[in-house]
PDB file of all heavy atoms in Angstrom:
ATOM      1  N   ALA A   1      42.566  96.805 109.838  1.00  0.00           N
ATOM      2  CA  ALA A   1      42.146  97.184 111.185  1.00  0.00           C
ATOM      3  C   ALA A   1      40.746  97.792 111.144  1.00  0.00           C
ATOM      4  O   ALA A   1      39.896  97.497 111.996  1.00  0.00           O
ATOM      5  CB  ALA A   1      43.142  98.174 111.789  1.00  0.00           C
ATOM      6  N   ILE A   2      40.494  98.638 110.153  1.00  0.00           N
ATOM      7  CA  ILE A   2      39.164  99.233 109.981  1.00  0.00           C
ATOM      8  C   ILE A   2      38.120  98.137 109.770  1.00  0.00           C
ATOM      9  O   ILE A   2      37.040  98.155 110.369  1.00  0.00           O
ATOM     10  CB  ILE A   2      39.168 100.229 108.799  1.00  0.00           C
ATOM     11  CG1 ILE A   2      39.961 101.486 109.179  1.00  0.00           C
ATOM     12  CG2 ILE A   2      37.750 100.599 108.381  1.00  0.00           C
ATOM     13  CD1 ILE A   2      40.199 102.441 108.025  1.00  0.00           C
ATOM     14  N   ALA A   3      38.444  97.165 108.936  1.00  0.00           N
ATOM     15  CA  ALA A   3      37.508  96.069 108.662  1.00  0.00           C
ATOM     16  C   ALA A   3      37.224  95.274 109.925  1.00  0.00           C
ATOM     17  O   ALA A   3      36.078  94.869 110.182  1.00  0.00           O
ATOM     18  CB  ALA A   3      38.076  95.160 107.575  1.00  0.00           C
ATOM     19  N   SER A   4      38.242  95.042 110.725  1.00  0.00           N
ATOM     20  CA  SER A   4      38.076  94.260 111.951  1.00  0.00           C
ATOM     21  C   SER A   4      37.168  94.974 112.947  1.00  0.00           C
ATOM     22  O   SER A   4      36.235  94.370 113.504  1.00  0.00           O
ATOM     23  CB  SER A   4      39.451  93.994 112.581  1.00  0.00           C
ATOM     24  OG  SER A   4      39.321  93.263 113.780  1.00  0.00           O
ATOM     25  N   VAL A   5      37.407  96.253 113.169  1.00  0.00           N
ATOM     26  CA  VAL A   5      36.578  97.003 114.117  1.00  0.00           C
ATOM     27  C   VAL A   5      35.165  97.191 113.569  1.00  0.00           C
ATOM     28  O   VAL A   5      34.182  97.152 114.325  1.00  0.00           O
ATOM     29  CB  VAL A   5      37.219  98.371 114.439  1.00  0.00           C
ATOM     30  CG1 VAL A   5      36.364  99.138 115.446  1.00  0.00           C
ATOM     31  CG2 VAL A   5      38.621  98.181 114.996  1.00  0.00           C
ATOM     32  N   ALA A   6      35.046  97.373 112.245  1.00  0.00           N
ATOM     33  CA  ALA A   6      33.721  97.533 111.640  1.00  0.00           C
ATOM     34  C   ALA A   6      32.876  96.285 111.856  1.00  0.00           C
ATOM     35  O   ALA A   6      31.672  96.375 112.148  1.00  0.00           O
ATOM     36  CB  ALA A   6      33.864  97.825 110.151  1.00  0.00           C
ATOM     37  N   SER A   7      33.471  95.115 111.719  1.00  0.00           N
ATOM     38  CA  SER A   7      32.751  93.864 111.932  1.00  0.00           C
ATOM     39  C   SER A   7      32.259  93.762 113.373  1.00  0.00           C
ATOM     40  O   SER A   7      31.117  93.368 113.633  1.00  0.00           O
ATOM     41  CB  SER A   7      33.659  92.677 111.593  1.00  0.00           C
ATOM     42  OG  SER A   7      33.029  91.452 111.876  1.00  0.00           O
ATOM     43  N   PHE A   8      33.117  94.142 114.304  1.00  0.00           N
ATOM     44  CA  PHE A   8      32.743  94.127 115.723  1.00  0.00           C
ATOM     45  C   PHE A   8      31.623  95.125 115.999  1.00  0.00           C
ATOM     46  O   PHE A   8      30.646  94.808 116.697  1.00  0.00           O
ATOM     47  CB  PHE A   8      33.966  94.457 116.568  1.00  0.00           C
ATOM     48  CG  PHE A   8      33.709  94.471 118.048  1.00  0.00           C
ATOM     49  CD1 PHE A   8      33.742  93.302 118.786  1.00  0.00           C
ATOM     50  CD2 PHE A   8      33.431  95.667 118.711  1.00  0.00           C
ATOM     51  CE1 PHE A   8      33.496  93.310 120.159  1.00  0.00           C
ATOM     52  CE2 PHE A   8      33.190  95.689 120.068  1.00  0.00           C
ATOM     53  CZ  PHE A   8      33.227  94.513 120.803  1.00  0.00           C
ATOM     54  N   ALA A   9      31.736  96.333 115.453  1.00  0.00           N
ATOM     55  CA  ALA A   9      30.719  97.365 115.682  1.00  0.00           C
ATOM     56  C   ALA A   9      29.364  96.935 115.140  1.00  0.00           C
ATOM     57  O   ALA A   9      28.321  97.164 115.775  1.00  0.00           O
ATOM     58  CB  ALA A   9      31.161  98.676 115.029  1.00  0.00           C
ATOM     59  N   ASP A  10      29.377  96.320 113.974  1.00  0.00           N
ATOM     60  CA  ASP A  10      28.127  95.857 113.375  1.00  0.00           C
ATOM     61  C   ASP A  10      27.490  94.751 114.216  1.00  0.00           C
ATOM     62  O   ASP A  10      26.275  94.742 114.436  1.00  0.00           O
ATOM     63  CB  ASP A  10      28.393  95.368 111.953  1.00  0.00           C
ATOM     64  CG  ASP A  10      27.116  94.973 111.232  1.00  0.00           C
ATOM     65  OD1 ASP A  10      26.187  95.815 111.164  1.00  0.00           O
ATOM     66  OD2 ASP A  10      27.032  93.827 110.747  1.00  0.00           O
ATOM     67  N   LYS A  11      28.291  93.836 114.702  1.00  0.00           N
ATOM     68  CA  LYS A  11      27.776  92.708 115.478  1.00  0.00           C
ATOM     69  C   LYS A  11      27.119  93.163 116.778  1.00  0.00           C
ATOM     70  O   LYS A  11      26.101  92.600 117.210  1.00  0.00           O
ATOM     71  CB  LYS A  11      28.917  91.730 115.779  1.00  0.00           C
ATOM     72  CG  LYS A  11      28.491  90.487 116.552  1.00  0.00           C
ATOM     73  CD  LYS A  11      29.670  89.532 116.732  1.00  0.00           C
ATOM     74  CE  LYS A  11      29.249  88.278 117.496  1.00  0.00           C
ATOM     75  NZ  LYS A  11      30.392  87.329 117.667  1.00  0.00           N
ATOM     76  N   TYR A  12      27.694  94.204 117.392  1.00  0.00           N
ATOM     77  CA  TYR A  12      27.218  94.619 118.715  1.00  0.00           C
ATOM     78  C   TYR A  12      26.550  95.994 118.699  1.00  0.00           C
ATOM     79  O   TYR A  12      26.430  96.634 119.740  1.00  0.00           O
ATOM     80  CB  TYR A  12      28.385  94.618 119.705  1.00  0.00           C
ATOM     81  CG  TYR A  12      28.916  93.226 119.981  1.00  0.00           C
ATOM     82  CD1 TYR A  12      30.077  92.780 119.359  1.00  0.00           C
ATOM     83  CD2 TYR A  12      28.240  92.361 120.835  1.00  0.00           C
ATOM     84  CE1 TYR A  12      30.562  91.490 119.596  1.00  0.00           C
ATOM     85  CE2 TYR A  12      28.709  91.081 121.081  1.00  0.00           C
ATOM     86  CZ  TYR A  12      29.876  90.646 120.458  1.00  0.00           C
ATOM     87  OH  TYR A  12      30.339  89.378 120.695  1.00  0.00           O
ATOM     88  N   LYS A  13      26.059  96.403 117.547  1.00  0.00           N
ATOM     89  CA  LYS A  13      25.471  97.749 117.454  1.00  0.00           C
ATOM     90  C   LYS A  13      24.211  97.907 118.295  1.00  0.00           C
ATOM     91  O   LYS A  13      23.861  99.030 118.687  1.00  0.00           O
ATOM     92  CB  LYS A  13      25.176  98.113 116.000  1.00  0.00           C
ATOM     93  CG  LYS A  13      24.151  97.265 115.284  1.00  0.00           C
ATOM     94  CD  LYS A  13      23.958  97.754 113.851  1.00  0.00           C
ATOM     95  CE  LYS A  13      22.944  96.906 113.084  1.00  0.00           C
ATOM     96  NZ  LYS A  13      23.437  95.521 112.861  1.00  0.00           N
ATOM     97  N   ASP A  14      23.522  96.817 118.596  1.00  0.00           N
ATOM     98  CA  ASP A  14      22.258  96.893 119.351  1.00  0.00           C
ATOM     99  C   ASP A  14      22.414  96.531 120.817  1.00  0.00           C
ATOM    100  O   ASP A  14      21.420  96.569 121.556  1.00  0.00           O
ATOM    101  CB  ASP A  14      21.221  95.958 118.718  1.00  0.00           C
ATOM    102  CG  ASP A  14      20.839  96.359 117.303  1.00  0.00           C
ATOM    103  OD1 ASP A  14      20.583  97.564 117.099  1.00  0.00           O
ATOM    104  OD2 ASP A  14      20.827  95.492 116.405  1.00  0.00           O
ATOM    105  N   MET A  15      23.597  96.161 121.262  1.00  0.00           N
ATOM    106  CA  MET A  15      23.764  95.707 122.648  1.00  0.00           C
ATOM    107  C   MET A  15      23.970  96.899 123.577  1.00  0.00           C
ATOM    108  O   MET A  15      25.035  97.530 123.564  1.00  0.00           O
ATOM    109  CB  MET A  15      24.951  94.744 122.776  1.00  0.00           C
ATOM    110  CG  MET A  15      25.155  94.235 124.208  1.00  0.00           C
ATOM    111  SD  MET A  15      26.579  93.121 124.380  1.00  0.00           S
ATOM    112  CE  MET A  15      25.899  91.652 123.587  1.00  0.00           C
ATOM    113  N   PRO A  16      22.987  97.224 124.418  1.00  0.00           N
ATOM    114  CA  PRO A  16      23.140  98.366 125.329  1.00  0.00           C
ATOM    115  C   PRO A  16      24.257  98.128 126.338  1.00  0.00           C
ATOM    116  O   PRO A  16      24.502  97.001 126.788  1.00  0.00           O
ATOM    117  CB  PRO A  16      21.782  98.443 126.030  1.00  0.00           C
ATOM    118  CG  PRO A  16      20.832  97.723 125.131  1.00  0.00           C
ATOM    119  CD  PRO A  16      21.644  96.623 124.521  1.00  0.00           C
ATOM    120  N   CYS A  17      24.951  99.196 126.679  1.00  0.00           N
ATOM    121  CA  CYS A  17      25.968  99.137 127.722  1.00  0.00           C
ATOM    122  C   CYS A  17      26.019 100.477 128.430  1.00  0.00           C
ATOM    123  O   CYS A  17      25.506 101.481 127.915  1.00  0.00           O
ATOM    124  CB  CYS A  17      27.342  98.783 127.149  1.00  0.00           C
ATOM    125  SG  CYS A  17      28.053 100.057 126.076  1.00  0.00           S
ATOM    126  N   LEU A  18      26.613 100.482 129.584  1.00  0.00           N
ATOM    127  CA  LEU A  18      26.727 101.722 130.334  1.00  0.00           C
ATOM    128  C   LEU A  18      27.739 102.642 129.654  1.00  0.00           C
ATOM    129  O   LEU A  18      28.842 102.220 129.309  1.00  0.00           O
ATOM    130  CB  LEU A  18      27.177 101.419 131.768  1.00  0.00           C
ATOM    131  CG  LEU A  18      27.212 102.603 132.730  1.00  0.00           C
ATOM    132  CD1 LEU A  18      25.816 103.170 132.946  1.00  0.00           C
ATOM    133  CD2 LEU A  18      27.837 102.174 134.059  1.00  0.00           C
ATOM    134  N   GLY A  19      27.355 103.890 129.437  1.00  0.00           N
ATOM    135  CA  GLY A  19      28.288 104.865 128.933  1.00  0.00           C
ATOM    136  C   GLY A  19      29.083 105.487 130.069  1.00  0.00           C
ATOM    137  O   GLY A  19      28.678 105.396 131.236  1.00  0.00           O
ATOM    138  N   PHE A  20      30.222 106.062 129.723  1.00  0.00           N
ATOM    139  CA  PHE A  20      31.049 106.712 130.743  1.00  0.00           C
ATOM    140  C   PHE A  20      31.502 108.092 130.262  1.00  0.00           C
ATOM    141  O   PHE A  20      31.930 108.252 129.120  1.00  0.00           O
ATOM    142  CB  PHE A  20      32.312 105.887 131.042  1.00  0.00           C
ATOM    143  CG  PHE A  20      32.047 104.579 131.744  1.00  0.00           C
ATOM    144  CD1 PHE A  20      31.996 103.396 131.030  1.00  0.00           C
ATOM    145  CD2 PHE A  20      31.852 104.542 133.113  1.00  0.00           C
ATOM    146  CE1 PHE A  20      31.754 102.194 131.664  1.00  0.00           C
ATOM    147  CE2 PHE A  20      31.609 103.340 133.763  1.00  0.00           C
ATOM    148  CZ  PHE A  20      31.559 102.161 133.037  1.00  0.00           C
ATOM    149  N   THR A  21      31.384 109.068 131.114  1.00  0.00           N
ATOM    150  CA  THR A  21      32.084 110.334 130.918  1.00  0.00           C
ATOM    151  C   THR A  21      32.901 110.560 132.179  1.00  0.00           C
ATOM    152  O   THR A  21      32.403 110.346 133.296  1.00  0.00           O
ATOM    153  CB  THR A  21      31.112 111.507 130.695  1.00  0.00           C
ATOM    154  OG1 THR A  21      30.233 111.620 131.830  1.00  0.00           O
ATOM    155  CG2 THR A  21      30.281 111.299 129.431  1.00  0.00           C
ATOM    156  N   HIS A  22      34.169 110.936 132.014  1.00  0.00           N
ATOM    157  CA  HIS A  22      35.099 111.067 133.139  1.00  0.00           C
ATOM    158  C   HIS A  22      35.283 109.730 133.858  1.00  0.00           C
ATOM    159  O   HIS A  22      35.667 109.705 135.026  1.00  0.00           O
ATOM    160  CB  HIS A  22      34.628 112.138 134.135  1.00  0.00           C
ATOM    161  CG  HIS A  22      34.127 113.382 133.483  1.00  0.00           C
ATOM    162  ND1 HIS A  22      34.959 114.369 133.010  1.00  0.00           N
ATOM    163  CD2 HIS A  22      32.861 113.786 133.190  1.00  0.00           C
ATOM    164  CE1 HIS A  22      34.233 115.339 132.464  1.00  0.00           C
ATOM    165  NE2 HIS A  22      32.961 114.997 132.544  1.00  0.00           N
ATOM    166  N   PHE A  23      35.000 108.646 133.159  1.00  0.00           N
ATOM    167  CA  PHE A  23      34.978 107.283 133.710  1.00  0.00           C
ATOM    168  C   PHE A  23      34.007 107.170 134.876  1.00  0.00           C
ATOM    169  O   PHE A  23      34.171 106.372 135.798  1.00  0.00           O
ATOM    170  CB  PHE A  23      36.375 106.813 134.120  1.00  0.00           C
ATOM    171  CG  PHE A  23      36.476 105.303 134.218  1.00  0.00           C
ATOM    172  CD1 PHE A  23      35.790 104.470 133.338  1.00  0.00           C
ATOM    173  CD2 PHE A  23      37.250 104.710 135.199  1.00  0.00           C
ATOM    174  CE1 PHE A  23      35.870 103.089 133.429  1.00  0.00           C
ATOM    175  CE2 PHE A  23      37.345 103.326 135.304  1.00  0.00           C
ATOM    176  CZ  PHE A  23      36.648 102.517 134.406  1.00  0.00           C
ATOM    177  N   GLN A  24      32.962 107.983 134.796  1.00  0.00           N
ATOM    178  CA  GLN A  24      31.852 107.893 135.737  1.00  0.00           C
ATOM    179  C   GLN A  24      30.624 107.451 134.951  1.00  0.00           C
ATOM    180  O   GLN A  24      30.469 107.789 133.771  1.00  0.00           O
ATOM    181  CB  GLN A  24      31.585 109.246 136.403  1.00  0.00           C
ATOM    182  CG  GLN A  24      32.780 109.814 137.160  1.00  0.00           C
ATOM    183  CD  GLN A  24      33.236 108.896 138.271  1.00  0.00           C
ATOM    184  OE1 GLN A  24      32.447 108.462 139.104  1.00  0.00           O
ATOM    185  NE2 GLN A  24      34.533 108.586 138.275  1.00  0.00           N
ATOM    186  N   PRO A  25      29.722 106.678 135.571  1.00  0.00           N
ATOM    187  CA  PRO A  25      28.526 106.196 134.862  1.00  0.00           C
ATOM    188  C   PRO A  25      27.758 107.344 134.226  1.00  0.00           C
ATOM    189  O   PRO A  25      27.525 108.381 134.848  1.00  0.00           O
ATOM    190  CB  PRO A  25      27.711 105.513 135.955  1.00  0.00           C
ATOM    191  CG  PRO A  25      28.737 105.098 136.970  1.00  0.00           C
ATOM    192  CD  PRO A  25      29.781 106.177 136.951  1.00  0.00           C
ATOM    193  N   ALA A  26      27.392 107.145 132.953  1.00  0.00           N
ATOM    194  CA  ALA A  26      26.679 108.168 132.205  1.00  0.00           C
ATOM    195  C   ALA A  26      25.620 107.499 131.343  1.00  0.00           C
ATOM    196  O   ALA A  26      25.394 106.283 131.416  1.00  0.00           O
ATOM    197  CB  ALA A  26      27.653 108.976 131.353  1.00  0.00           C
ATOM    198  N   GLN A  27      24.966 108.287 130.521  1.00  0.00           N
ATOM    199  CA  GLN A  27      23.863 107.797 129.701  1.00  0.00           C
ATOM    200  C   GLN A  27      24.293 106.568 128.891  1.00  0.00           C
ATOM    201  O   GLN A  27      25.382 106.551 128.328  1.00  0.00           O
ATOM    202  CB  GLN A  27      23.408 108.907 128.767  1.00  0.00           C
ATOM    203  CG  GLN A  27      22.068 108.662 128.106  1.00  0.00           C
ATOM    204  CD  GLN A  27      21.609 109.896 127.337  1.00  0.00           C
ATOM    205  OE1 GLN A  27      22.235 110.278 126.362  1.00  0.00           O
ATOM    206  NE2 GLN A  27      20.544 110.516 127.800  1.00  0.00           N
ATOM    207  N   PRO A  28      23.441 105.563 128.811  1.00  0.00           N
ATOM    208  CA  PRO A  28      23.816 104.338 128.088  1.00  0.00           C
ATOM    209  C   PRO A  28      24.088 104.581 126.609  1.00  0.00           C
ATOM    210  O   PRO A  28      23.554 105.504 125.992  1.00  0.00           O
ATOM    211  CB  PRO A  28      22.601 103.429 128.273  1.00  0.00           C
ATOM    212  CG  PRO A  28      21.933 103.928 129.514  1.00  0.00           C
ATOM    213  CD  PRO A  28      22.142 105.413 129.496  1.00  0.00           C
ATOM    214  N   THR A  29      24.936 103.747 126.069  1.00  0.00           N
ATOM    215  CA  THR A  29      25.200 103.687 124.638  1.00  0.00           C
ATOM    216  C   THR A  29      25.103 102.223 124.239  1.00  0.00           C
ATOM    217  O   THR A  29      24.452 101.445 124.939  1.00  0.00           O
ATOM    218  CB  THR A  29      26.577 104.305 124.309  1.00  0.00           C
ATOM    219  OG1 THR A  29      26.785 104.290 122.909  1.00  0.00           O
ATOM    220  CG2 THR A  29      27.714 103.588 125.010  1.00  0.00           C
ATOM    221  N   THR A  30      25.710 101.810 123.140  1.00  0.00           N
ATOM    222  CA  THR A  30      25.782 100.389 122.816  1.00  0.00           C
ATOM    223  C   THR A  30      27.244 100.013 122.613  1.00  0.00           C
ATOM    224  O   THR A  30      28.099 100.862 122.346  1.00  0.00           O
ATOM    225  CB  THR A  30      24.982 100.024 121.553  1.00  0.00           C
ATOM    226  OG1 THR A  30      25.624 100.597 120.395  1.00  0.00           O
ATOM    227  CG2 THR A  30      23.547 100.503 121.649  1.00  0.00           C
ATOM    228  N   VAL A  31      27.510  98.733 122.732  1.00  0.00           N
ATOM    229  CA  VAL A  31      28.879  98.241 122.562  1.00  0.00           C
ATOM    230  C   VAL A  31      29.386  98.587 121.165  1.00  0.00           C
ATOM    231  O   VAL A  31      30.527  99.018 120.982  1.00  0.00           O
ATOM    232  CB  VAL A  31      28.935  96.718 122.812  1.00  0.00           C
ATOM    233  CG1 VAL A  31      30.316  96.152 122.453  1.00  0.00           C
ATOM    234  CG2 VAL A  31      28.586  96.405 124.269  1.00  0.00           C
ATOM    235  N   GLY A  32      28.517  98.419 120.166  1.00  0.00           N
ATOM    236  CA  GLY A  32      28.911  98.724 118.793  1.00  0.00           C
ATOM    237  C   GLY A  32      29.125 100.203 118.559  1.00  0.00           C
ATOM    238  O   GLY A  32      30.049 100.594 117.833  1.00  0.00           O
ATOM    239  N   LYS A  33      28.294 101.034 119.149  1.00  0.00           N
ATOM    240  CA  LYS A  33      28.462 102.487 118.992  1.00  0.00           C
ATOM    241  C   LYS A  33      29.779 102.944 119.601  1.00  0.00           C
ATOM    242  O   LYS A  33      30.481 103.791 119.027  1.00  0.00           O
ATOM    243  CB  LYS A  33      27.289 103.229 119.636  1.00  0.00           C
ATOM    244  CG  LYS A  33      27.464 104.755 119.733  1.00  0.00           C
ATOM    245  CD  LYS A  33      27.581 105.425 118.371  1.00  0.00           C
ATOM    246  CE  LYS A  33      28.120 106.841 118.461  1.00  0.00           C
ATOM    247  NZ  LYS A  33      27.356 107.742 119.325  1.00  0.00           N
ATOM    248  N   ARG A  34      30.135 102.380 120.748  1.00  0.00           N
ATOM    249  CA  ARG A  34      31.429 102.734 121.344  1.00  0.00           C
ATOM    250  C   ARG A  34      32.573 102.363 120.398  1.00  0.00           C
ATOM    251  O   ARG A  34      33.541 103.102 120.261  1.00  0.00           O
ATOM    252  CB  ARG A  34      31.599 102.029 122.692  1.00  0.00           C
ATOM    253  CG  ARG A  34      32.963 102.265 123.326  1.00  0.00           C
ATOM    254  CD  ARG A  34      33.039 101.657 124.700  1.00  0.00           C
ATOM    255  NE  ARG A  34      32.314 102.455 125.676  1.00  0.00           N
ATOM    256  CZ  ARG A  34      31.689 101.970 126.736  1.00  0.00           C
ATOM    257  NH1 ARG A  34      31.666 100.662 126.946  1.00  0.00           N
ATOM    258  NH2 ARG A  34      31.067 102.770 127.579  1.00  0.00           N
ATOM    259  N   ALA A  35      32.437 101.225 119.727  1.00  0.00           N
ATOM    260  CA  ALA A  35      33.480 100.800 118.789  1.00  0.00           C
ATOM    261  C   ALA A  35      33.611 101.761 117.611  1.00  0.00           C
ATOM    262  O   ALA A  35      34.690 101.896 117.031  1.00  0.00           O
ATOM    263  CB  ALA A  35      33.190  99.386 118.287  1.00  0.00           C
TER     264      ALA A  35
END
């Protein structure tokens, strides 16, 4: 499971996405960082 998520995080580490706090829009992060 760790290997699977690590592969996903590495692939999408540079893809910006909207961050959420309280499920409200917050400062952007990346898809890989969220993983």
